[in-house]
Structure formats: C-alpha cells, structure tokens
C-alpha cells in the first residue's frame, strides 16, 4: 500500500466550482469518485481544513492530498493503431479518429487513446494520463497534444491554462448562420442529467468564436476557436444558439432537412452517426525552444462526404 502526498493551487478561473470537480481536474491521476471519498474522509483538504465535496471555491486556495493508495488498477498497454502527425523527444501530436475515448473511465476501462499511447511509448506510463495535455470527446476527431516528460507536460498545461494554445475546429451545424460571431455563455453540469452540460447562470465562463466557411440550404460549415476549454463547449454553445452540430446524439435533437430534400441527403442526415466536429489545427509554443509551431489535420472522410452532399443539394437548387 503506497502513500501519496500532493499539493495543488486552485486557479482563479475555478472560482465558483465545486471542490470535487476542481479536484478531478487538478489531480487527474485519480477518479472523481475516489477523490470524493478522500474529501469526505479528510485525506484531501481545502486550505488545511476538511471540507464537503460540494464546497464552492473562491480561487487561490491550496488543496492537499495525503492518502493511502490501494487497489489502483493500472492502465495497460494496448496495440491500437494511431496516426502520429508529429513526434520529437518532447511531444507527440496525434490525429484521433472518431469513436476513440481519450482515457479510461466508467464504461471504458480499456481500448482508449491512453492505452494506445502506452503501446507507442512505454515511458509515458510515469506521466499522468500518459502525458495527454487536453481532451477531445469520444466522437470528436482531430489533433491532440501529448507531452513526453513531466517537465514538458507542466509547461504545456501552464500554457493551456493561460489560453496560449490555439485550437481550431471545423464543424457542420444545423441551421444557416447569417455571419460569424461569438457565443459567450457560462457552462455547468446539467441540473437533471449529469451526463450533459448546459448553459447556466453561475457556470464557468466559456467563450467560443465562430466564422462561416460555407452556407447550404439548411446547414452551415463553421470554423470555430476556443478561448476556454469547458466540457462539450462547442456542442453546448452551438445548441444554445439553436444551431447544433449535425449528428450530435446528446445536443443535436432531430435532424433538420432542406425543403424537399432528395433521398441521398435525407438518408445521410438521418444516419450521420456522430457530431460533425473535427479539431483541424493546433498551435503552441514548443516547450524546448519557445518557437510557435502549428499542425493541421484534414477533414475526415465522413465530414468531407457530408459537405459534398450538402453542396450538391445546394447547387441543385440554384
């Protein structure tokens, strides 16, 4: 049985967050349920004092974890193919396919990106979540940044917290946008369905910028950038302005069709099996020399086909 001792300072933008939620972000090696148990037992303290999991934070407090670690199930290496866009001694840039969960959790004990990374580089086993710096939803495809040493991970996480890592996405949404804009609306856990997020007063600040790339009869191809990185942020924000992503099983609602749709476009929109969202560009300062580097990923086949059929439908109506 091992003893663990860790400290973490609560960032200012965690103001208003629950202690158990913040702890899950600040101590990513451990599940939220385990951290909640430690909070309740006093093994994880807030400012040196025992607190409740639902305690709201003000930002700037110190969390101290002093606990016995037992029965931890290790994440195993698995031979899962990965597309490596770039690698050097400090970082990996991975192009994640849709359907691949980023790290193990409830309902996904294996078969994740983290398992695949350990097969690619066994030395990543000493890093929290195999060096994964940020996340993508299971059915969002595109670029992810991986650190290969603890020092590099700490620098990249700090850059992410300062919002200096640029993340651009492309998505296909339902509805026709009149022009570009931004969605600035706070996001929190849905009060009734804990699997979902929602725009709620008192939630964590969230800002998404969007630009129109192409309009169709009942849909829009958007370029999107994040100023914050809340869970499901793009999906929640687009649903909030009534332009949910095509195929989104949680926030999308029923598929929308152009007037008098042909069989091809009707079938595609009905059967598109995941949110039409792809992380196309990742730019950051390289942790070794500080130079700005940028990586791109082309749209995957399913989104390219979706755009082609939407374009074909729009041109047929001209």
C-alpha atoms as a PDB file:
ATOM      1  CA  UNK A   1       0.000   0.000   0.000  1.00  0.00           C
ATOM      2  CA  UNK A   2       1.561   3.271  -1.127  1.00  0.00           C
ATOM      3  CA  UNK A   3       1.161   6.677   0.457  1.00  0.00           C
ATOM      4  CA  UNK A   4       0.616   9.678  -1.803  1.00  0.00           C
ATOM      5  CA  UNK A   5       1.168  13.324  -0.979  1.00  0.00           C
ATOM      6  CA  UNK A   6       0.312  16.020  -3.484  1.00  0.00           C
ATOM      7  CA  UNK A   7      -0.438  19.750  -3.411  1.00  0.00           C
ATOM      8  CA  UNK A   8      -2.271  21.901  -5.946  1.00  0.00           C
ATOM      9  CA  UNK A   9      -3.186  25.582  -6.090  1.00  0.00           C
ATOM     10  CA  UNK A  10      -6.724  26.321  -7.270  1.00  0.00           C
ATOM     11  CA  UNK A  11      -6.575  28.577 -10.389  1.00  0.00           C
ATOM     12  CA  UNK A  12      -8.564  31.808 -10.279  1.00  0.00           C
ATOM     13  CA  UNK A  13     -10.884  30.697 -13.098  1.00  0.00           C
ATOM     14  CA  UNK A  14     -12.093  27.809 -10.890  1.00  0.00           C
ATOM     15  CA  UNK A  15     -13.962  30.373  -8.772  1.00  0.00           C
ATOM     16  CA  UNK A  16     -17.444  29.031  -8.103  1.00  0.00           C
ATOM     17  CA  UNK A  17     -16.531  25.436  -8.967  1.00  0.00           C
ATOM     18  CA  UNK A  18     -17.280  22.577  -6.603  1.00  0.00           C
ATOM     19  CA  UNK A  19     -14.340  21.154  -4.692  1.00  0.00           C
ATOM     20  CA  UNK A  20     -14.811  17.620  -6.056  1.00  0.00           C
ATOM     21  CA  UNK A  21     -14.993  18.850  -9.666  1.00  0.00           C
ATOM     22  CA  UNK A  22     -11.888  21.020  -9.279  1.00  0.00           C
ATOM     23  CA  UNK A  23     -10.016  18.157  -7.608  1.00  0.00           C
ATOM     24  CA  UNK A  24     -10.782  15.897 -10.576  1.00  0.00           C
ATOM     25  CA  UNK A  25      -9.059  18.425 -12.855  1.00  0.00           C
ATOM     26  CA  UNK A  26      -6.139  19.228 -10.550  1.00  0.00           C
ATOM     27  CA  UNK A  27      -5.431  15.577  -9.650  1.00  0.00           C
ATOM     28  CA  UNK A  28      -6.119  13.856 -12.998  1.00  0.00           C
ATOM     29  CA  UNK A  29      -4.465  10.580 -11.965  1.00  0.00           C
ATOM     30  CA  UNK A  30      -7.473   9.693  -9.813  1.00  0.00           C
ATOM     31  CA  UNK A  31     -11.178   9.208 -10.496  1.00  0.00           C
ATOM     32  CA  UNK A  32     -13.714  11.727  -9.259  1.00  0.00           C
ATOM     33  CA  UNK A  33     -15.360   9.057  -7.070  1.00  0.00           C
ATOM     34  CA  UNK A  34     -12.032   8.240  -5.383  1.00  0.00           C
ATOM     35  CA  UNK A  35     -11.297  11.928  -4.826  1.00  0.00           C
ATOM     36  CA  UNK A  36     -14.774  12.432  -3.367  1.00  0.00           C
ATOM     37  CA  UNK A  37     -14.117   9.620  -0.896  1.00  0.00           C
ATOM     38  CA  UNK A  38     -10.834  11.245   0.121  1.00  0.00           C
ATOM     39  CA  UNK A  39     -12.547  14.628   0.576  1.00  0.00           C
ATOM     40  CA  UNK A  40     -15.204  13.056   2.789  1.00  0.00           C
ATOM     41  CA  UNK A  41     -12.585  11.239   4.872  1.00  0.00           C
ATOM     42  CA  UNK A  42     -10.377  14.315   5.267  1.00  0.00           C
ATOM     43  CA  UNK A  43      -7.498  12.905   3.233  1.00  0.00           C
ATOM     44  CA  UNK A  44      -7.984  15.732   0.711  1.00  0.00           C
ATOM     45  CA  UNK A  45      -8.219  19.084   2.467  1.00  0.00           C
ATOM     46  CA  UNK A  46      -9.020  22.625   1.412  1.00  0.00           C
ATOM     47  CA  UNK A  47      -6.750  25.264   2.901  1.00  0.00           C
ATOM     48  CA  UNK A  48      -5.714  22.786   5.590  1.00  0.00           C
ATOM     49  CA  UNK A  49      -9.312  22.122   6.646  1.00  0.00           C
ATOM     50  CA  UNK A  50     -11.749  19.300   5.958  1.00  0.00           C
ATOM     51  CA  UNK A  51     -14.492  20.361   3.543  1.00  0.00           C
ATOM     52  CA  UNK A  52     -17.530  18.943   1.784  1.00  0.00           C
ATOM     53  CA  UNK A  53     -17.288  17.763  -1.858  1.00  0.00           C
ATOM     54  CA  UNK A  54     -19.890  20.381  -2.855  1.00  0.00           C
ATOM     55  CA  UNK A  55     -17.965  23.270  -1.268  1.00  0.00           C
ATOM     56  CA  UNK A  56     -17.683  26.176  -3.712  1.00  0.00           C
ATOM     57  CA  UNK A  57     -14.178  27.507  -4.340  1.00  0.00           C
ATOM     58  CA  UNK A  58     -13.041  31.099  -4.458  1.00  0.00           C
ATOM     59  CA  UNK A  59      -9.785  30.539  -6.361  1.00  0.00           C
ATOM     60  CA  UNK A  60      -6.300  30.684  -4.874  1.00  0.00           C
ATOM     61  CA  UNK A  61      -6.838  28.026  -2.197  1.00  0.00           C
ATOM     62  CA  UNK A  62      -4.420  25.164  -1.698  1.00  0.00           C
ATOM     63  CA  UNK A  63      -5.577  21.561  -1.948  1.00  0.00           C
ATOM     64  CA  UNK A  64      -3.505  18.992  -0.064  1.00  0.00           C
ATOM     65  CA  UNK A  65      -3.879  15.278  -0.773  1.00  0.00           C
ATOM     66  CA  UNK A  66      -2.396  12.950   1.843  1.00  0.00           C
ATOM     67  CA  UNK A  67      -3.833   9.476   1.376  1.00  0.00           C
ATOM     68  CA  UNK A  68      -3.194   5.775   1.214  1.00  0.00           C
ATOM     69  CA  UNK A  69      -3.315   4.470  -2.330  1.00  0.00           C
ATOM     70  CA  UNK A  70      -4.537   0.922  -2.665  1.00  0.00           C
ATOM     71  CA  UNK A  71      -6.237  -1.237  -5.247  1.00  0.00           C
ATOM     72  CA  UNK A  72      -5.345   1.059  -8.138  1.00  0.00           C
ATOM     73  CA  UNK A  73      -5.951  -0.697 -11.431  1.00  0.00           C
ATOM     74  CA  UNK A  74      -3.087   0.120 -13.804  1.00  0.00           C
ATOM     75  CA  UNK A  75      -3.750   1.255 -17.357  1.00  0.00           C
ATOM     76  CA  UNK A  76      -2.410  -1.415 -19.683  1.00  0.00           C
ATOM     77  CA  UNK A  77      -0.642  -1.015 -22.997  1.00  0.00           C
ATOM     78  CA  UNK A  78      -2.817  -1.997 -25.976  1.00  0.00           C
ATOM     79  CA  UNK A  79      -1.905  -2.359 -29.625  1.00  0.00           C
ATOM     80  CA  UNK A  80      -4.302   0.234 -31.050  1.00  0.00           C
ATOM     81  CA  UNK A  81      -3.189   1.965 -34.281  1.00  0.00           C
ATOM     82  CA  UNK A  82      -2.545   5.705 -34.010  1.00  0.00           C
ATOM     83  CA  UNK A  83      -1.922   8.402 -36.617  1.00  0.00           C
ATOM     84  CA  UNK A  84       1.129  10.367 -35.459  1.00  0.00           C
ATOM     85  CA  UNK A  85       1.265  13.805 -37.089  1.00  0.00           C
ATOM     86  CA  UNK A  86       4.497  14.831 -35.363  1.00  0.00           C
ATOM     87  CA  UNK A  87       6.882  13.452 -32.788  1.00  0.00           C
ATOM     88  CA  UNK A  88      10.150  14.528 -31.223  1.00  0.00           C
ATOM     89  CA  UNK A  89      11.798  13.922 -27.860  1.00  0.00           C
ATOM     90  CA  UNK A  90       9.398  16.296 -26.090  1.00  0.00           C
ATOM     91  CA  UNK A  91       5.975  15.939 -27.692  1.00  0.00           C
ATOM     92  CA  UNK A  92       3.626  13.874 -29.804  1.00  0.00           C
ATOM     93  CA  UNK A  93       0.786  15.245 -31.916  1.00  0.00           C
ATOM     94  CA  UNK A  94      -1.880  12.617 -32.566  1.00  0.00           C
ATOM     95  CA  UNK A  95      -4.765  12.723 -35.069  1.00  0.00           C
ATOM     96  CA  UNK A  96      -7.515  10.984 -33.082  1.00  0.00           C
ATOM     97  CA  UNK A  97     -10.222   9.144 -35.025  1.00  0.00           C
ATOM     98  CA  UNK A  98     -13.879   9.416 -34.008  1.00  0.00           C
ATOM     99  CA  UNK A  99     -15.026   6.704 -31.626  1.00  0.00           C
ATOM    100  CA  UNK A 100     -11.783   6.571 -29.611  1.00  0.00           C
ATOM    101  CA  UNK A 101     -12.172   7.513 -25.935  1.00  0.00           C
ATOM    102  CA  UNK A 102      -9.223   9.573 -24.668  1.00  0.00           C
ATOM    103  CA  UNK A 103      -8.641   7.841 -21.322  1.00  0.00           C
ATOM    104  CA  UNK A 104     -10.185   5.008 -19.275  1.00  0.00           C
ATOM    105  CA  UNK A 105     -13.231   5.741 -17.175  1.00  0.00           C
ATOM    106  CA  UNK A 106     -16.627   4.397 -16.221  1.00  0.00           C
ATOM    107  CA  UNK A 107     -17.826   2.173 -19.044  1.00  0.00           C
ATOM    108  CA  UNK A 108     -14.493   2.417 -20.891  1.00  0.00           C
ATOM    109  CA  UNK A 109     -11.882   0.506 -18.868  1.00  0.00           C
ATOM    110  CA  UNK A 110      -9.723  -0.161 -21.922  1.00  0.00           C
ATOM    111  CA  UNK A 111      -9.424   0.473 -25.643  1.00  0.00           C
ATOM    112  CA  UNK A 112      -8.622   4.156 -25.169  1.00  0.00           C
ATOM    113  CA  UNK A 113      -6.061   6.602 -26.512  1.00  0.00           C
ATOM    114  CA  UNK A 114      -4.168   6.311 -23.238  1.00  0.00           C
ATOM    115  CA  UNK A 115      -3.847   2.539 -23.698  1.00  0.00           C
ATOM    116  CA  UNK A 116      -2.629   3.113 -27.266  1.00  0.00           C
ATOM    117  CA  UNK A 117      -0.062   5.705 -26.183  1.00  0.00           C
ATOM    118  CA  UNK A 118       1.474   3.286 -23.686  1.00  0.00           C
ATOM    119  CA  UNK A 119       1.948   0.829 -26.542  1.00  0.00           C
ATOM    120  CA  UNK A 120       3.558   3.549 -28.664  1.00  0.00           C
ATOM    121  CA  UNK A 121       5.886   4.743 -25.904  1.00  0.00           C
ATOM    122  CA  UNK A 122       6.117   2.749 -22.665  1.00  0.00           C
ATOM    123  CA  UNK A 123       7.942   5.610 -20.902  1.00  0.00           C
ATOM    124  CA  UNK A 124       4.686   7.600 -20.899  1.00  0.00           C
ATOM    125  CA  UNK A 125       3.467   5.323 -18.089  1.00  0.00           C
ATOM    126  CA  UNK A 126       5.133   7.575 -15.484  1.00  0.00           C
ATOM    127  CA  UNK A 127       3.113  10.612 -16.596  1.00  0.00           C
ATOM    128  CA  UNK A 128      -0.454  11.500 -15.563  1.00  0.00           C
ATOM    129  CA  UNK A 129      -2.743  10.056 -18.237  1.00  0.00           C
ATOM    130  CA  UNK A 130       0.249   9.153 -20.384  1.00  0.00           C
ATOM    131  CA  UNK A 131       1.095  12.821 -20.984  1.00  0.00           C
ATOM    132  CA  UNK A 132      -2.247  13.809 -22.575  1.00  0.00           C
ATOM    133  CA  UNK A 133      -2.391  17.612 -22.303  1.00  0.00           C
ATOM    134  CA  UNK A 134      -6.027  18.233 -23.310  1.00  0.00           C
ATOM    135  CA  UNK A 135      -9.034  16.190 -24.369  1.00  0.00           C
ATOM    136  CA  UNK A 136     -11.483  15.596 -27.169  1.00  0.00           C
ATOM    137  CA  UNK A 137     -14.874  13.961 -26.809  1.00  0.00           C
ATOM    138  CA  UNK A 138     -15.112  10.330 -27.904  1.00  0.00           C
ATOM    139  CA  UNK A 139     -16.792  11.140 -31.220  1.00  0.00           C
ATOM    140  CA  UNK A 140     -14.878  14.352 -31.963  1.00  0.00           C
ATOM    141  CA  UNK A 141     -11.920  13.671 -34.242  1.00  0.00           C
ATOM    142  CA  UNK A 142      -8.681  15.578 -34.744  1.00  0.00           C
ATOM    143  CA  UNK A 143      -5.478  16.806 -33.158  1.00  0.00           C
ATOM    144  CA  UNK A 144      -4.336  16.113 -29.616  1.00  0.00           C
ATOM    145  CA  UNK A 145      -1.107  17.164 -27.915  1.00  0.00           C
ATOM    146  CA  UNK A 146       0.893  14.707 -25.801  1.00  0.00           C
ATOM    147  CA  UNK A 147       3.861  15.539 -23.546  1.00  0.00           C
ATOM    148  CA  UNK A 148       6.678  13.001 -23.223  1.00  0.00           C
ATOM    149  CA  UNK A 149       8.266  14.206 -19.955  1.00  0.00           C
ATOM    150  CA  UNK A 150       6.858  15.663 -16.749  1.00  0.00           C
ATOM    151  CA  UNK A 151       8.659  18.962 -17.258  1.00  0.00           C
ATOM    152  CA  UNK A 152       7.222  19.347 -20.752  1.00  0.00           C
ATOM    153  CA  UNK A 153       3.762  18.390 -19.504  1.00  0.00           C
ATOM    154  CA  UNK A 154       3.875  21.032 -16.772  1.00  0.00           C
ATOM    155  CA  UNK A 155       4.913  23.735 -19.258  1.00  0.00           C
ATOM    156  CA  UNK A 156       2.220  22.795 -21.754  1.00  0.00           C
ATOM    157  CA  UNK A 157      -0.503  22.567 -19.109  1.00  0.00           C
ATOM    158  CA  UNK A 158       0.510  26.034 -17.894  1.00  0.00           C
ATOM    159  CA  UNK A 159       0.346  27.326 -21.480  1.00  0.00           C
ATOM    160  CA  UNK A 160      -3.106  25.776 -21.834  1.00  0.00           C
ATOM    161  CA  UNK A 161      -4.288  27.410 -18.595  1.00  0.00           C
ATOM    162  CA  UNK A 162      -3.003  30.788 -19.871  1.00  0.00           C
ATOM    163  CA  UNK A 163      -5.067  30.132 -23.026  1.00  0.00           C
ATOM    164  CA  UNK A 164      -1.979  30.321 -25.217  1.00  0.00           C
ATOM    165  CA  UNK A 165      -2.570  27.020 -27.020  1.00  0.00           C
ATOM    166  CA  UNK A 166      -4.599  27.753 -30.141  1.00  0.00           C
ATOM    167  CA  UNK A 167      -7.230  25.163 -31.031  1.00  0.00           C
ATOM    168  CA  UNK A 168      -9.261  25.470 -34.199  1.00  0.00           C
ATOM    169  CA  UNK A 169     -12.135  23.222 -35.165  1.00  0.00           C
ATOM    170  CA  UNK A 170     -14.402  22.803 -38.143  1.00  0.00           C
ATOM    171  CA  UNK A 171     -17.986  21.703 -37.727  1.00  0.00           C
ATOM    172  CA  UNK A 172     -21.187  21.330 -39.706  1.00  0.00           C
ATOM    173  CA  UNK A 173     -24.205  22.687 -37.888  1.00  0.00           C
ATOM    174  CA  UNK A 174     -27.941  22.645 -38.434  1.00  0.00           C
ATOM    175  CA  UNK A 175     -29.384  25.995 -39.480  1.00  0.00           C
ATOM    176  CA  UNK A 176     -27.999  28.756 -41.680  1.00  0.00           C
ATOM    177  CA  UNK A 177     -25.771  31.262 -39.891  1.00  0.00           C
ATOM    178  CA  UNK A 178     -26.141  34.847 -41.070  1.00  0.00           C
ATOM    179  CA  UNK A 179     -22.478  35.554 -40.310  1.00  0.00           C
ATOM    180  CA  UNK A 180     -19.661  34.949 -37.874  1.00  0.00           C
ATOM    181  CA  UNK A 181     -19.828  35.794 -34.207  1.00  0.00           C
ATOM    182  CA  UNK A 182     -19.179  34.519 -30.732  1.00  0.00           C
ATOM    183  CA  UNK A 183     -21.028  32.679 -28.003  1.00  0.00           C
ATOM    184  CA  UNK A 184     -20.144  33.867 -24.517  1.00  0.00           C
ATOM    185  CA  UNK A 185     -22.208  31.881 -22.053  1.00  0.00           C
ATOM    186  CA  UNK A 186     -21.295  30.086 -18.795  1.00  0.00           C
ATOM    187  CA  UNK A 187     -21.323  26.289 -18.790  1.00  0.00           C
ATOM    188  CA  UNK A 188     -22.041  23.910 -15.933  1.00  0.00           C
ATOM    189  CA  UNK A 189     -23.260  20.373 -15.353  1.00  0.00           C
ATOM    190  CA  UNK A 190     -26.893  19.900 -16.355  1.00  0.00           C
ATOM    191  CA  UNK A 191     -29.021  20.069 -13.173  1.00  0.00           C
ATOM    192  CA  UNK A 192     -31.118  16.994 -14.075  1.00  0.00           C
ATOM    193  CA  UNK A 193     -28.985  14.921 -16.456  1.00  0.00           C
ATOM    194  CA  UNK A 194     -25.474  14.581 -15.024  1.00  0.00           C
ATOM    195  CA  UNK A 195     -24.167  13.204 -18.323  1.00  0.00           C
ATOM    196  CA  UNK A 196     -24.800  16.534 -20.030  1.00  0.00           C
ATOM    197  CA  UNK A 197     -23.545  20.089 -19.752  1.00  0.00           C
ATOM    198  CA  UNK A 198     -25.708  23.186 -20.100  1.00  0.00           C
ATOM    199  CA  UNK A 199     -25.560  26.971 -20.283  1.00  0.00           C
ATOM    200  CA  UNK A 200     -26.415  28.016 -16.726  1.00  0.00           C
ATOM    201  CA  UNK A 201     -26.097  31.176 -14.676  1.00  0.00           C
ATOM    202  CA  UNK A 202     -23.273  30.616 -12.222  1.00  0.00           C
ATOM    203  CA  UNK A 203     -21.465  28.192 -14.507  1.00  0.00           C
ATOM    204  CA  UNK A 204     -17.818  28.530 -15.512  1.00  0.00           C
ATOM    205  CA  UNK A 205     -17.114  31.277 -18.078  1.00  0.00           C
ATOM    206  CA  UNK A 206     -16.916  29.982 -21.649  1.00  0.00           C
ATOM    207  CA  UNK A 207     -16.240  31.752 -24.946  1.00  0.00           C
ATOM    208  CA  UNK A 208     -16.440  30.286 -28.456  1.00  0.00           C
ATOM    209  CA  UNK A 209     -15.776  32.225 -31.679  1.00  0.00           C
ATOM    210  CA  UNK A 210     -17.180  31.027 -34.987  1.00  0.00           C
ATOM    211  CA  UNK A 211     -16.776  32.012 -38.633  1.00  0.00           C
ATOM    212  CA  UNK A 212     -18.859  30.943 -41.620  1.00  0.00           C
ATOM    213  CA  UNK A 213     -16.888  28.902 -44.151  1.00  0.00           C
ATOM    214  CA  UNK A 214     -19.792  27.847 -46.380  1.00  0.00           C
ATOM    215  CA  UNK A 215     -23.581  28.077 -46.299  1.00  0.00           C
ATOM    216  CA  UNK A 216     -26.018  25.487 -47.583  1.00  0.00           C
ATOM    217  CA  UNK A 217     -29.800  25.401 -47.780  1.00  0.00           C
ATOM    218  CA  UNK A 218     -30.343  24.344 -44.172  1.00  0.00           C
ATOM    219  CA  UNK A 219     -26.816  23.922 -42.771  1.00  0.00           C
ATOM    220  CA  UNK A 220     -23.571  25.830 -42.260  1.00  0.00           C
ATOM    221  CA  UNK A 221     -19.900  24.824 -42.348  1.00  0.00           C
ATOM    222  CA  UNK A 222     -18.197  26.698 -39.480  1.00  0.00           C
ATOM    223  CA  UNK A 223     -14.648  27.360 -38.324  1.00  0.00           C
ATOM    224  CA  UNK A 224     -14.533  27.561 -34.530  1.00  0.00           C
ATOM    225  CA  UNK A 225     -11.940  28.615 -31.981  1.00  0.00           C
ATOM    226  CA  UNK A 226     -11.967  28.193 -28.216  1.00  0.00           C
ATOM    227  CA  UNK A 227     -10.935  30.812 -25.688  1.00  0.00           C
ATOM    228  CA  UNK A 228     -11.818  28.369 -22.912  1.00  0.00           C
ATOM    229  CA  UNK A 229     -11.981  24.599 -22.814  1.00  0.00           C
ATOM    230  CA  UNK A 230     -15.099  23.529 -20.967  1.00  0.00           C
ATOM    231  CA  UNK A 231     -16.538  20.042 -21.314  1.00  0.00           C
ATOM    232  CA  UNK A 232     -18.617  19.789 -24.540  1.00  0.00           C
ATOM    233  CA  UNK A 233     -18.136  23.544 -25.006  1.00  0.00           C
ATOM    234  CA  UNK A 234     -18.636  23.837 -28.779  1.00  0.00           C
ATOM    235  CA  UNK A 235     -21.519  21.373 -28.749  1.00  0.00           C
ATOM    236  CA  UNK A 236     -23.299  23.153 -25.891  1.00  0.00           C
ATOM    237  CA  UNK A 237     -22.724  26.653 -27.279  1.00  0.00           C
ATOM    238  CA  UNK A 238     -23.983  25.797 -30.766  1.00  0.00           C
ATOM    239  CA  UNK A 239     -27.059  24.103 -29.332  1.00  0.00           C
ATOM    240  CA  UNK A 240     -27.599  27.199 -27.167  1.00  0.00           C
ATOM    241  CA  UNK A 241     -27.878  29.405 -30.280  1.00  0.00           C
ATOM    242  CA  UNK A 242     -30.121  26.788 -31.926  1.00  0.00           C
ATOM    243  CA  UNK A 243     -27.502  25.639 -34.415  1.00  0.00           C
ATOM    244  CA  UNK A 244     -26.490  22.229 -33.016  1.00  0.00           C
ATOM    245  CA  UNK A 245     -23.926  20.076 -34.754  1.00  0.00           C
ATOM    246  CA  UNK A 246     -25.146  17.573 -37.314  1.00  0.00           C
ATOM    247  CA  UNK A 247     -25.250  14.102 -35.771  1.00  0.00           C
ATOM    248  CA  UNK A 248     -24.787  15.204 -32.160  1.00  0.00           C
ATOM    249  CA  UNK A 249     -26.527  12.431 -30.183  1.00  0.00           C
ATOM    250  CA  UNK A 250     -26.752  14.484 -26.970  1.00  0.00           C
ATOM    251  CA  UNK A 251     -27.391  18.090 -28.017  1.00  0.00           C
ATOM    252  CA  UNK A 252     -28.465  17.792 -31.654  1.00  0.00           C
ATOM    253  CA  UNK A 253     -32.147  16.948 -31.476  1.00  0.00           C
ATOM    254  CA  UNK A 254     -33.910  15.764 -34.606  1.00  0.00           C
ATOM    255  CA  UNK A 255     -32.093  16.199 -37.919  1.00  0.00           C
ATOM    256  CA  UNK A 256     -33.159  19.193 -39.980  1.00  0.00           C
ATOM    257  CA  UNK A 257     -33.663  18.914 -43.715  1.00  0.00           C
ATOM    258  CA  UNK A 258     -33.724  21.482 -46.503  1.00  0.00           C
ATOM    259  CA  UNK A 259     -37.088  21.906 -48.208  1.00  0.00           C
ATOM    260  CA  UNK A 260     -37.982  18.997 -50.480  1.00  0.00           C
ATOM    261  CA  UNK A 261     -34.801  17.043 -49.725  1.00  0.00           C
ATOM    262  CA  UNK A 262     -33.631  14.275 -52.029  1.00  0.00           C
ATOM    263  CA  UNK A 263     -33.241  10.715 -50.778  1.00  0.00           C
ATOM    264  CA  UNK A 264     -29.442  10.964 -50.630  1.00  0.00           C
ATOM    265  CA  UNK A 265     -29.277  13.958 -48.302  1.00  0.00           C
ATOM    266  CA  UNK A 266     -32.207  12.770 -46.187  1.00  0.00           C
ATOM    267  CA  UNK A 267     -30.577   9.385 -45.607  1.00  0.00           C
ATOM    268  CA  UNK A 268     -27.172  10.875 -44.824  1.00  0.00           C
ATOM    269  CA  UNK A 269     -28.531  13.349 -42.271  1.00  0.00           C
ATOM    270  CA  UNK A 270     -30.630  10.653 -40.622  1.00  0.00           C
ATOM    271  CA  UNK A 271     -27.748   8.223 -40.340  1.00  0.00           C
ATOM    272  CA  UNK A 272     -24.797  10.535 -39.611  1.00  0.00           C
ATOM    273  CA  UNK A 273     -23.552   8.719 -36.538  1.00  0.00           C
ATOM    274  CA  UNK A 274     -21.502  11.265 -34.585  1.00  0.00           C
ATOM    275  CA  UNK A 275     -21.202  15.003 -34.052  1.00  0.00           C
ATOM    276  CA  UNK A 276     -19.739  16.592 -37.192  1.00  0.00           C
ATOM    277  CA  UNK A 277     -16.792  18.200 -35.410  1.00  0.00           C
ATOM    278  CA  UNK A 278     -13.069  17.932 -36.151  1.00  0.00           C
ATOM    279  CA  UNK A 279     -10.045  19.552 -34.478  1.00  0.00           C
ATOM    280  CA  UNK A 280      -8.226  20.806 -37.574  1.00  0.00           C
ATOM    281  CA  UNK A 281      -5.431  22.982 -36.201  1.00  0.00           C
ATOM    282  CA  UNK A 282      -3.228  23.075 -33.115  1.00  0.00           C
ATOM    283  CA  UNK A 283      -0.676  25.840 -32.494  1.00  0.00           C
ATOM    284  CA  UNK A 284       1.516  26.356 -29.430  1.00  0.00           C
ATOM    285  CA  UNK A 285       4.976  27.369 -28.305  1.00  0.00           C
ATOM    286  CA  UNK A 286       7.283  24.379 -28.457  1.00  0.00           C
ATOM    287  CA  UNK A 287       8.440  23.583 -24.913  1.00  0.00           C
ATOM    288  CA  UNK A 288      12.096  23.197 -25.944  1.00  0.00           C
ATOM    289  CA  UNK A 289      12.835  26.456 -27.804  1.00  0.00           C
ATOM    290  CA  UNK A 290       9.664  28.533 -27.355  1.00  0.00           C
ATOM    291  CA  UNK A 291       9.035  28.830 -31.106  1.00  0.00           C
ATOM    292  CA  UNK A 292       5.443  28.883 -32.300  1.00  0.00           C
ATOM    293  CA  UNK A 293       4.627  25.620 -34.090  1.00  0.00           C
ATOM    294  CA  UNK A 294       1.432  24.707 -35.890  1.00  0.00           C
ATOM    295  CA  UNK A 295      -0.049  21.389 -37.022  1.00  0.00           C
ATOM    296  CA  UNK A 296      -3.064  20.695 -39.216  1.00  0.00           C
ATOM    297  CA  UNK A 297      -5.351  17.768 -39.874  1.00  0.00           C
ATOM    298  CA  UNK A 298      -7.548  17.423 -42.974  1.00  0.00           C
ATOM    299  CA  UNK A 299     -11.239  16.766 -42.529  1.00  0.00           C
ATOM    300  CA  UNK A 300     -12.014  13.047 -42.198  1.00  0.00           C
ATOM    301  CA  UNK A 301     -13.934  11.216 -44.892  1.00  0.00           C
ATOM    302  CA  UNK A 302     -17.336  11.280 -43.190  1.00  0.00           C
ATOM    303  CA  UNK A 303     -17.374  15.077 -42.787  1.00  0.00           C
ATOM    304  CA  UNK A 304     -15.971  15.620 -46.292  1.00  0.00           C
ATOM    305  CA  UNK A 305     -18.747  13.437 -47.715  1.00  0.00           C
ATOM    306  CA  UNK A 306     -21.333  15.339 -45.674  1.00  0.00           C
ATOM    307  CA  UNK A 307     -20.095  18.642 -47.102  1.00  0.00           C
ATOM    308  CA  UNK A 308     -20.054  17.269 -50.643  1.00  0.00           C
ATOM    309  CA  UNK A 309     -23.674  16.128 -50.426  1.00  0.00           C
ATOM    310  CA  UNK A 310     -24.823  19.374 -48.807  1.00  0.00           C
ATOM    311  CA  UNK A 311     -23.022  21.285 -51.582  1.00  0.00           C
ATOM    312  CA  UNK A 312     -24.581  19.090 -54.247  1.00  0.00           C
ATOM    313  CA  UNK A 313     -28.039  19.723 -52.771  1.00  0.00           C
ATOM    314  CA  UNK A 314     -27.434  23.484 -52.636  1.00  0.00           C
ATOM    315  CA  UNK A 315     -26.206  23.609 -56.237  1.00  0.00           C
ATOM    316  CA  UNK A 316     -29.197  21.593 -57.440  1.00  0.00           C
ATOM    317  CA  UNK A 317     -31.471  24.259 -56.022  1.00  0.00           C
ATOM    318  CA  UNK A 318     -29.740  27.134 -57.849  1.00  0.00           C
END
